[in-house]
């Protein structure tokens, strides 16, 4: 199977509110030989304020982000969608991609009226190179040099890993440069530790992960926090009832007899303690799993392999106990309230089949005909994203009343309480802070401050006119 290595550069870290401004991808064959490259950029959307720290780190002046010669966000996303679909099926890989780049891509697709889950549908698989490199360091550390950072701890920053292992990375925080460095680091693992590479590839497929979890009595789940690997021998007790791809596991350092003797209330209280004996992961998120027979002693969390295996078999065979544990865990979870922001509701249901058809028609229609399609959308999220998209790319076809409604709504968001998008006030405060700290070496932040002051003043004047 081929691989698609990709990376995004964005205006900030707020998923659903920040946008991709630079996307790069490299297609390789199964042996990691490069086949094709793709790279695209976009200008800033009218409703997005870039975070000043992102501008400072990426050295992106506001003049470049607002350059009208750059493609619009919708045009860029359409090119991304077209290219990635043509490269599918493949295994999609990035560096910290499942936690960040995948999310940014999903939101970009969804808010451009494309299906959000491109990298996990169409027979595609996905994996994360950061997890791979952390796993190599945990299991076979002699295969990879992990440098020590300024705080005296190992650092897994892409630029530092690349330099330490002789991988070219001339332009950190440039999407294509980051992609090429990620490919080269993966090539090192492919050459030096083929067994770990094959496991990485194998568990990029969610069906394979699900089969493994079902077939094994127990296994080692490796999780990464703060650049460190934490290994836990676990047994899967069931599927998460709120998430079909979720798996709920029990740490095998538990006394099974004691658990079985607890009342339902006692069991719920026990599971709610910190740290919880429950572990969870998603089969579609490329988890790091190791069979007991492949696990070195240090991954057993101090336990003896025979005892751990017996514990796993005993728990898995007790369907009643597994069901009680699963029920107790679900009951102990805090419910997620529905976000007041449509941008944060990407996981609150799939669009219906009629809306799926309408969005396909949208991309084929002329701009004047797209408004009718958008207004017919039943999904509130898609309807708003469609109107906002048209305001950005073709506002001349919008009736004056609709255009004014969109402008009012966007102005309210940018002057809001900061719970959603970055607001004028927050952006100005962060810019001032960075300037005071001496971060404005080339004037990028000073010019951005002027841009923010001008935009916020014009927005305030427009709001005052409407009040009168």
Protein backbone atom coordinates (compact mmCIF):
# COMPACT_ATOMS: atom_id res chain seq x y z
CA UNK A 1 0.00 0.00 0.00
CA UNK A 2 1.24 3.52 -0.74
CA UNK A 3 1.81 6.25 1.86
CA UNK A 4 0.74 9.88 1.93
CA UNK A 5 2.93 11.96 4.24
CA UNK A 6 1.40 15.37 4.93
CA UNK A 7 1.70 18.45 7.11
CA UNK A 8 -0.21 21.66 7.71
CA UNK A 9 0.78 25.14 8.78
CA UNK A 10 -2.07 27.01 10.40
CA UNK A 11 -3.07 30.38 11.84
CA UNK A 12 -3.20 28.90 15.33
CA UNK A 13 -4.24 25.91 17.42
CA UNK A 14 -8.00 26.45 17.80
CA UNK A 15 -9.60 23.55 15.97
CA UNK A 16 -12.64 24.65 14.04
CA UNK A 17 -11.68 28.32 14.24
CA UNK A 18 -8.13 28.58 12.92
CA UNK A 19 -7.42 27.67 9.32
CA UNK A 20 -4.81 25.90 7.23
CA UNK A 21 -2.66 28.38 5.32
CA UNK A 22 -0.06 25.94 3.92
CA UNK A 23 -0.55 22.26 3.09
CA UNK A 24 2.06 19.87 1.72
CA UNK A 25 2.03 16.15 0.95
CA UNK A 26 4.34 13.53 -0.52
CA UNK A 27 3.09 10.28 -2.04
CA UNK A 28 5.43 7.28 -1.71
CA UNK A 29 5.25 3.63 -2.62
CA UNK A 30 5.25 0.83 -0.03
CA UNK A 31 9.05 1.06 0.22
CA UNK A 32 8.94 4.81 0.90
CA UNK A 33 10.23 5.79 -2.53
CA UNK A 34 8.80 9.17 -3.50
CA UNK A 35 6.19 9.08 -6.28
CA UNK A 36 4.68 12.58 -6.27
CA UNK A 37 4.51 15.88 -4.38
CA UNK A 38 1.72 18.36 -3.77
CA UNK A 39 1.81 21.77 -2.11
CA UNK A 40 -0.71 24.59 -1.83
CA UNK A 41 -1.37 27.74 0.19
CA UNK A 42 -4.32 30.00 0.87
CA UNK A 43 -5.03 33.54 1.92
CA UNK A 44 -6.71 34.44 5.17
CA UNK A 45 -10.47 34.00 5.47
CA UNK A 46 -12.40 37.15 6.47
CA UNK A 47 -13.53 35.66 9.77
CA UNK A 48 -10.12 34.36 10.94
CA UNK A 49 -7.59 36.29 13.01
CA UNK A 50 -4.22 34.53 13.09
CA UNK A 51 -2.63 34.08 16.49
CA UNK A 52 0.42 36.36 16.75
CA UNK A 53 2.57 33.52 18.11
CA UNK A 54 1.88 31.46 14.98
CA UNK A 55 2.87 34.44 12.84
CA UNK A 56 6.06 34.88 14.87
CA UNK A 57 7.05 31.21 14.78
CA UNK A 58 6.25 30.75 11.09
CA UNK A 59 7.62 34.21 10.15
CA UNK A 60 4.45 35.03 8.24
CA UNK A 61 3.63 38.75 7.91
CA UNK A 62 0.01 39.80 7.65
CA UNK A 63 0.69 41.19 4.16
CA UNK A 64 1.49 37.70 2.95
CA UNK A 65 -1.52 36.11 4.65
CA UNK A 66 -3.89 38.64 3.06
CA UNK A 67 -2.28 38.56 -0.40
CA UNK A 68 -5.19 38.39 -2.85
CA UNK A 69 -2.97 36.60 -5.37
CA UNK A 70 -3.10 33.53 -3.12
CA UNK A 71 -5.97 31.05 -3.60
CA UNK A 72 -8.98 31.34 -1.34
CA UNK A 73 -9.34 28.83 1.47
CA UNK A 74 -12.17 27.06 -0.39
CA UNK A 75 -10.08 26.83 -3.56
CA UNK A 76 -7.15 25.42 -1.59
CA UNK A 77 -9.31 22.84 0.19
CA UNK A 78 -10.88 21.81 -3.12
CA UNK A 79 -7.38 21.17 -4.52
CA UNK A 80 -6.42 19.21 -1.41
CA UNK A 81 -9.57 17.10 -1.65
CA UNK A 82 -9.05 16.41 -5.34
CA UNK A 83 -5.40 15.42 -4.89
CA UNK A 84 -5.84 13.24 -1.82
CA UNK A 85 -8.78 11.42 -3.37
CA UNK A 86 -6.67 10.71 -6.44
CA UNK A 87 -3.94 9.27 -4.18
CA UNK A 88 -6.35 7.05 -2.25
CA UNK A 89 -6.30 4.36 -0.98
CA UNK A 90 -3.18 4.98 1.06
CA UNK A 91 -1.84 5.15 4.60
CA UNK A 92 -1.89 8.80 5.71
CA UNK A 93 1.03 9.72 7.97
CA UNK A 94 2.07 12.95 9.63
CA UNK A 95 4.09 14.09 12.63
CA UNK A 96 1.67 14.51 15.54
CA UNK A 97 -0.96 14.40 12.81
CA UNK A 98 -3.72 12.44 14.53
CA UNK A 99 -3.84 14.92 17.40
CA UNK A 100 -3.53 18.04 15.26
CA UNK A 101 -3.10 18.00 11.46
CA UNK A 102 -5.84 15.39 10.97
CA UNK A 103 -8.19 17.52 13.03
CA UNK A 104 -7.35 20.67 11.12
CA UNK A 105 -7.86 18.86 7.82
CA UNK A 106 -11.19 17.41 8.93
CA UNK A 107 -12.48 20.83 9.96
CA UNK A 108 -11.24 22.40 6.73
CA UNK A 109 -13.04 19.78 4.63
CA UNK A 110 -16.23 19.92 6.70
CA UNK A 111 -16.41 23.72 6.66
CA UNK A 112 -15.86 23.67 2.88
CA UNK A 113 -18.82 21.26 2.47
CA UNK A 114 -16.70 18.19 1.74
CA UNK A 115 -16.93 14.90 3.69
CA UNK A 116 -14.70 15.31 6.73
CA UNK A 117 -13.29 11.80 7.07
CA UNK A 118 -11.26 11.46 3.89
CA UNK A 119 -8.22 9.89 5.56
CA UNK A 120 -10.22 7.15 7.29
CA UNK A 121 -12.68 6.36 4.48
CA UNK A 122 -12.14 5.20 0.88
CA UNK A 123 -10.08 2.23 2.19
CA UNK A 124 -7.55 4.68 3.61
CA UNK A 125 -5.66 4.13 6.86
CA UNK A 126 -3.89 6.61 9.10
CA UNK A 127 -0.90 6.60 11.41
CA UNK A 128 1.26 9.03 13.35
CA UNK A 129 5.03 9.19 12.89
CA UNK A 130 5.50 10.82 16.30
CA UNK A 131 4.03 7.75 17.99
CA UNK A 132 6.26 5.53 15.85
CA UNK A 133 9.43 7.38 16.88
CA UNK A 134 8.41 7.36 20.55
CA UNK A 135 7.73 3.63 20.31
CA UNK A 136 11.15 3.02 18.77
CA UNK A 137 12.76 4.95 21.59
CA UNK A 138 10.80 2.95 24.18
CA UNK A 139 11.34 -0.51 22.69
CA UNK A 140 14.56 -0.28 20.66
CA UNK A 141 16.33 2.94 21.73
CA UNK A 142 19.61 2.08 20.02
CA UNK A 143 17.94 2.59 16.62
CA UNK A 144 17.25 6.30 17.06
CA UNK A 145 19.00 9.28 18.64
CA UNK A 146 16.60 11.27 20.79
CA UNK A 147 18.25 14.56 21.80
CA UNK A 148 18.07 16.20 25.20
CA UNK A 149 16.22 19.49 25.29
CA UNK A 150 16.92 22.67 27.22
CA UNK A 151 15.11 21.35 30.31
CA UNK A 152 17.29 18.25 30.48
CA UNK A 153 14.58 15.93 29.16
CA UNK A 154 14.35 14.03 25.89
CA UNK A 155 12.70 16.10 23.18
CA UNK A 156 10.68 14.73 20.30
CA UNK A 157 10.37 17.97 18.39
CA UNK A 158 10.67 17.25 14.69
CA UNK A 159 13.48 19.71 14.05
CA UNK A 160 15.58 18.38 16.94
CA UNK A 161 15.04 14.74 15.97
CA UNK A 162 15.98 15.48 12.38
CA UNK A 163 19.22 17.24 13.31
CA UNK A 164 20.22 14.54 15.81
CA UNK A 165 19.74 11.78 13.26
CA UNK A 166 21.37 13.44 10.27
CA UNK A 167 18.13 14.24 8.49
CA UNK A 168 17.94 17.41 6.42
CA UNK A 169 15.42 19.92 7.78
CA UNK A 170 16.39 23.35 6.53
CA UNK A 171 13.11 25.16 7.08
CA UNK A 172 11.34 24.17 10.29
CA UNK A 173 7.63 25.06 10.29
CA UNK A 174 7.49 24.96 6.51
CA UNK A 175 4.94 22.31 5.55
CA UNK A 176 6.94 20.68 2.75
CA UNK A 177 10.18 20.75 4.73
CA UNK A 178 8.40 19.12 7.68
CA UNK A 179 6.94 16.45 5.41
CA UNK A 180 10.31 15.57 3.88
CA UNK A 181 11.94 15.35 7.32
CA UNK A 182 9.14 13.06 8.51
CA UNK A 183 9.60 10.78 5.48
CA UNK A 184 13.35 10.54 6.10
CA UNK A 185 12.89 9.71 9.80
CA UNK A 186 10.40 7.00 8.85
CA UNK A 187 12.93 5.63 6.35
CA UNK A 188 15.41 5.26 9.22
CA UNK A 189 12.91 3.16 11.17
CA UNK A 190 11.99 1.18 8.03
CA UNK A 191 15.68 0.31 7.51
CA UNK A 192 16.85 -0.15 11.10
CA UNK A 193 13.81 -1.68 12.80
CA UNK A 194 11.66 -3.43 10.17
CA UNK A 195 9.65 -5.29 12.83
CA UNK A 196 8.49 -2.06 14.49
CA UNK A 197 7.80 -0.55 11.09
CA UNK A 198 5.60 -3.48 10.11
CA UNK A 199 3.70 -3.21 13.40
CA UNK A 200 3.24 0.51 12.75
CA UNK A 201 1.84 -0.21 9.28
CA UNK A 202 -0.31 -3.07 10.53
CA UNK A 203 -2.01 -1.03 13.23
CA UNK A 204 -2.73 1.88 10.89
CA UNK A 205 -5.71 -0.22 9.77
CA UNK A 206 -8.59 0.05 12.22
CA UNK A 207 -10.02 -3.34 11.24
CA UNK A 208 -6.68 -4.99 12.01
CA UNK A 209 -6.53 -3.23 15.39
CA UNK A 210 -10.07 -4.34 16.21
CA UNK A 211 -9.27 -7.94 15.25
CA UNK A 212 -6.10 -7.92 17.35
CA UNK A 213 -7.90 -6.57 20.42
CA UNK A 214 -10.65 -9.14 20.00
CA UNK A 215 -8.30 -12.08 19.47
CA UNK A 216 -5.77 -11.37 22.23
CA UNK A 217 -6.55 -12.13 25.85
CA UNK A 218 -4.52 -9.07 26.75
CA UNK A 219 -1.77 -6.84 25.38
CA UNK A 220 0.47 -3.88 26.18
CA UNK A 221 -1.02 -0.44 25.51
CA UNK A 222 1.64 2.28 25.19
CA UNK A 223 0.54 5.87 25.68
CA UNK A 224 2.68 8.98 25.38
CA UNK A 225 2.51 11.99 27.68
CA UNK A 226 5.00 14.82 27.84
CA UNK A 227 7.43 13.01 25.56
CA UNK A 228 7.49 9.88 27.73
CA UNK A 229 6.12 6.42 27.02
CA UNK A 230 3.86 4.74 29.57
CA UNK A 231 3.25 1.01 29.14
CA UNK A 232 0.24 -0.74 30.64
CA UNK A 233 -0.67 -4.43 30.38
CA UNK A 234 -4.42 -4.35 29.74
CA UNK A 235 -7.41 -6.44 28.74
CA UNK A 236 -10.20 -5.07 26.58
CA UNK A 237 -13.54 -5.15 28.40
CA UNK A 238 -15.70 -3.83 25.57
CA UNK A 239 -16.59 -1.29 22.92
CA UNK A 240 -17.27 2.27 24.00
CA UNK A 241 -21.07 2.64 23.66
CA UNK A 242 -20.63 6.33 22.79
CA UNK A 243 -17.94 5.79 20.15
CA UNK A 244 -17.92 2.78 17.83
CA UNK A 245 -14.16 3.06 17.32
CA UNK A 246 -13.46 3.33 21.05
CA UNK A 247 -12.20 0.43 23.14
CA UNK A 248 -12.33 0.36 26.93
CA UNK A 249 -9.58 -1.57 28.72
CA UNK A 250 -8.72 -2.53 32.31
CA UNK A 251 -5.20 -2.32 33.67
CA UNK A 252 -4.11 -5.81 34.71
CA UNK A 253 -2.62 -4.76 38.04
CA UNK A 254 -6.09 -5.17 39.58
CA UNK A 255 -7.28 -7.83 42.03
CA UNK A 256 -10.00 -9.60 40.03
CA UNK A 257 -11.66 -11.17 43.05
CA UNK A 258 -11.85 -7.81 44.80
CA UNK A 259 -13.41 -6.19 41.73
CA UNK A 260 -15.99 -8.95 41.35
CA UNK A 261 -17.02 -8.59 45.00
CA UNK A 262 -17.71 -4.85 44.76
CA UNK A 263 -21.21 -3.47 44.52
CA UNK A 264 -22.09 -1.36 41.46
CA UNK A 265 -21.65 1.83 43.48
CA UNK A 266 -18.31 0.70 44.88
CA UNK A 267 -17.15 -0.28 41.41
CA UNK A 268 -18.06 3.12 40.00
CA UNK A 269 -16.25 4.90 42.84
CA UNK A 270 -13.19 2.71 42.34
CA UNK A 271 -13.06 3.38 38.61
CA UNK A 272 -13.49 7.13 39.17
CA UNK A 273 -10.31 7.38 41.26
CA UNK A 274 -7.13 8.99 39.90
CA UNK A 275 -5.26 7.39 38.29
CA UNK A 276 -8.09 5.29 36.95
CA UNK A 277 -7.58 1.56 36.32
CA UNK A 278 -9.42 2.10 33.03
CA UNK A 279 -7.58 2.87 29.80
CA UNK A 280 -9.21 3.76 26.49
CA UNK A 281 -8.11 4.20 22.90
CA UNK A 282 -9.56 4.37 19.39
CA UNK A 283 -8.95 1.61 16.89
CA UNK A 284 -8.84 4.22 14.09
CA UNK A 285 -6.14 6.34 15.76
CA UNK A 286 -3.12 4.08 15.12
CA UNK A 287 -2.64 2.97 18.76
CA UNK A 288 0.69 1.54 19.92
CA UNK A 289 -0.08 -2.04 20.91
CA UNK A 290 2.26 -4.94 21.69
CA UNK A 291 1.39 -8.60 22.15
CA UNK A 292 2.53 -10.06 25.47
CA UNK A 293 4.95 -12.44 23.78
CA UNK A 294 6.65 -9.51 21.99
CA UNK A 295 6.92 -7.29 25.07
CA UNK A 296 10.26 -6.86 26.87
CA UNK A 297 10.17 -7.07 30.67
CA UNK A 298 10.24 -3.30 31.22
CA UNK A 299 6.88 -2.95 29.43
CA UNK A 300 5.08 -5.21 31.92
CA UNK A 301 4.80 -2.46 34.55
CA UNK A 302 6.59 -4.57 37.15
CA UNK A 303 4.32 -7.61 36.77
CA UNK A 304 5.17 -11.22 36.00
CA UNK A 305 4.12 -12.40 32.56
CA UNK A 306 2.41 -15.61 33.76
CA UNK A 307 0.35 -13.73 36.36
CA UNK A 308 -0.58 -10.99 33.86
CA UNK A 309 -1.69 -13.50 31.23
CA UNK A 310 -3.78 -15.41 33.79
CA UNK A 311 -5.41 -12.17 34.93
CA UNK A 312 -6.23 -11.27 31.34
CA UNK A 313 -7.80 -14.65 30.56
CA UNK A 314 -9.80 -14.63 33.76
CA UNK A 315 -11.25 -11.16 33.18
CA UNK A 316 -11.98 -11.70 29.50
CA UNK A 317 -13.79 -14.95 30.26
CA UNK A 318 -16.02 -13.21 32.83
CA UNK A 319 -18.53 -11.48 30.56
CA UNK A 320 -20.64 -10.37 33.53
CA UNK A 321 -17.72 -8.60 35.21
CA UNK A 322 -16.70 -6.96 31.94
CA UNK A 323 -20.22 -5.66 31.45
CA UNK A 324 -20.33 -4.29 35.02
CA UNK A 325 -16.96 -2.60 34.60
CA UNK A 326 -18.01 -1.04 31.30
CA UNK A 327 -21.30 0.21 32.76
CA UNK A 328 -19.54 1.65 35.80
CA UNK A 329 -17.00 3.46 33.65
CA UNK A 330 -19.60 4.97 31.33
CA UNK A 331 -21.66 6.10 34.32
CA UNK A 332 -18.61 7.80 35.85
CA UNK A 333 -17.86 9.94 32.78
CA UNK A 334 -18.79 13.60 32.70
CA UNK A 335 -21.14 14.32 29.77
CA UNK A 336 -19.89 16.70 27.10
CA UNK A 337 -22.23 19.70 26.78
CA UNK A 338 -23.21 20.76 23.29
CA UNK A 339 -20.96 23.62 22.19
CA UNK A 340 -22.71 26.92 21.43
CA UNK A 341 -20.37 27.23 18.44
CA UNK A 342 -21.23 25.38 15.22
CA UNK A 343 -17.50 25.20 14.44
CA UNK A 344 -17.05 22.83 17.38
CA UNK A 345 -19.87 20.46 16.47
CA UNK A 346 -18.09 18.45 13.78
CA UNK A 347 -18.56 15.25 15.82
CA UNK A 348 -22.20 15.91 16.71
CA UNK A 349 -23.71 13.71 14.02
CA UNK A 350 -23.25 13.02 10.33
CA UNK A 351 -25.02 15.02 7.61
CA UNK A 352 -28.02 13.17 6.18
CA UNK A 353 -28.03 11.60 2.70
CA UNK A 354 -30.02 14.48 1.20
CA UNK A 355 -27.47 16.99 2.47
CA UNK A 356 -24.64 14.81 1.19
CA UNK A 357 -26.22 14.99 -2.26
CA UNK A 358 -26.71 18.76 -1.96
CA UNK A 359 -23.07 19.35 -1.01
CA UNK A 360 -21.93 17.30 -4.01
CA UNK A 361 -24.19 19.44 -6.20
CA UNK A 362 -22.77 22.58 -4.58
CA UNK A 363 -19.25 21.89 -5.83
CA UNK A 364 -20.49 21.35 -9.38
CA UNK A 365 -22.80 24.37 -9.56
CA UNK A 366 -22.06 27.95 -10.64
CA UNK A 367 -21.77 30.55 -7.87
CA UNK A 368 -25.23 32.10 -8.52
CA UNK A 369 -26.86 28.66 -8.22
CA UNK A 370 -24.96 27.70 -5.08
CA UNK A 371 -26.96 30.00 -2.82
CA UNK A 372 -30.17 28.06 -3.49
CA UNK A 373 -28.38 24.81 -2.65
CA UNK A 374 -26.97 26.22 0.59
CA UNK A 375 -30.37 27.51 1.69
CA UNK A 376 -31.86 24.05 1.14
CA UNK A 377 -29.33 22.34 3.44
CA UNK A 378 -31.04 20.80 6.46
CA UNK A 379 -27.92 20.61 8.64
CA UNK A 380 -27.56 23.90 10.51
CA UNK A 381 -23.77 23.57 10.52
CA UNK A 382 -23.47 23.10 6.78
CA UNK A 383 -25.94 25.88 6.05
CA UNK A 384 -23.88 28.40 8.02
CA UNK A 385 -20.56 27.18 6.61
CA UNK A 386 -21.97 27.40 3.10
CA UNK A 387 -23.17 30.98 3.59
CA UNK A 388 -19.85 31.98 5.12
CA UNK A 389 -17.97 30.32 2.27
CA UNK A 390 -20.01 32.24 -0.29
CA UNK A 391 -19.40 35.50 1.59
CA UNK A 392 -15.67 34.82 1.38
CA UNK A 393 -15.50 33.73 -2.27
CA UNK A 394 -18.51 35.17 -4.06
CA UNK A 395 -20.21 37.80 -1.95
CA UNK A 396 -21.27 39.68 -5.10
CA UNK A 397 -23.96 37.05 -5.75
CA UNK A 398 -25.43 37.36 -2.25
CA UNK A 399 -28.55 39.51 -1.72
CA UNK A 400 -27.85 42.58 0.42
CA UNK A 401 -29.94 41.30 3.33
CA UNK A 402 -28.11 37.96 3.51
CA UNK A 403 -24.73 39.64 3.18
CA UNK A 404 -25.58 42.04 6.00
CA UNK A 405 -26.75 39.13 8.20
CA UNK A 406 -23.48 37.26 7.64
CA UNK A 407 -21.41 40.38 8.34
CA UNK A 408 -23.29 40.99 11.57
CA UNK A 409 -22.81 37.41 12.73
CA UNK A 410 -19.09 37.42 11.93
CA UNK A 411 -18.63 40.78 13.66
CA UNK A 412 -20.26 39.41 16.79
CA UNK A 413 -17.91 36.43 16.80
CA UNK A 414 -14.77 38.55 16.37
CA UNK A 415 -15.87 40.85 19.19
CA UNK A 416 -17.11 38.00 21.39
CA UNK A 417 -16.03 36.54 24.71
CA UNK A 418 -13.16 34.46 23.33
CA UNK A 419 -14.80 31.11 23.97
CA UNK A 420 -14.78 30.43 20.24
CA UNK A 421 -12.62 32.21 17.70
CA UNK A 422 -9.72 34.51 18.52
CA UNK A 423 -11.19 37.97 19.04
CA UNK A 424 -9.80 41.43 18.29
CA UNK A 425 -9.22 42.05 21.98
CA UNK A 426 -7.41 38.77 22.62
CA UNK A 427 -5.32 39.04 19.46
CA UNK A 428 -4.24 42.59 20.35
CA UNK A 429 -3.39 41.60 23.92
CA UNK A 430 -1.28 38.62 22.80
CA UNK A 431 0.45 40.76 20.17
CA UNK A 432 1.30 43.45 22.71
CA UNK A 433 2.64 40.81 25.10
CA UNK A 434 4.96 39.30 22.49
CA UNK A 435 6.22 42.74 21.44
CA UNK A 436 6.97 43.62 25.07
CA UNK A 437 8.89 40.34 25.41
CA UNK A 438 11.13 41.36 22.53
CA UNK A 439 9.81 38.86 19.99
CA UNK A 440 9.23 41.38 17.20
CA UNK A 441 12.65 41.20 15.56
CA UNK A 442 11.56 41.96 11.99
CA UNK A 443 8.42 44.01 12.58
CA UNK A 444 5.88 41.28 11.80
CA UNK A 445 4.03 41.80 15.08
CA UNK A 446 4.07 45.60 14.90
CA UNK A 447 2.46 45.53 11.47
CA UNK A 448 -0.06 42.95 12.66
CA UNK A 449 -0.97 45.23 15.56
CA UNK A 450 -1.76 48.02 13.10
CA UNK A 451 -3.88 45.59 11.05
CA UNK A 452 -5.84 44.53 14.14
CA UNK A 453 -6.38 48.09 15.31
CA UNK A 454 -7.63 49.13 11.88
CA UNK A 455 -9.99 46.17 11.50
CA UNK A 456 -11.42 46.46 15.01
CA UNK A 457 -11.98 50.22 14.56
CA UNK A 458 -13.80 49.68 11.29
CA UNK A 459 -15.90 46.91 12.84
CA UNK A 460 -16.81 49.17 15.78
CA UNK A 461 -17.78 52.01 13.42
CA UNK A 462 -19.96 49.68 11.37
CA UNK A 463 -21.63 48.39 14.52
CA UNK A 464 -22.30 51.95 15.71
CA UNK A 465 -23.92 52.81 12.38
CA UNK A 466 -26.29 49.84 12.68
CA UNK A 467 -27.27 50.85 16.22
CA UNK A 468 -28.18 54.38 15.00
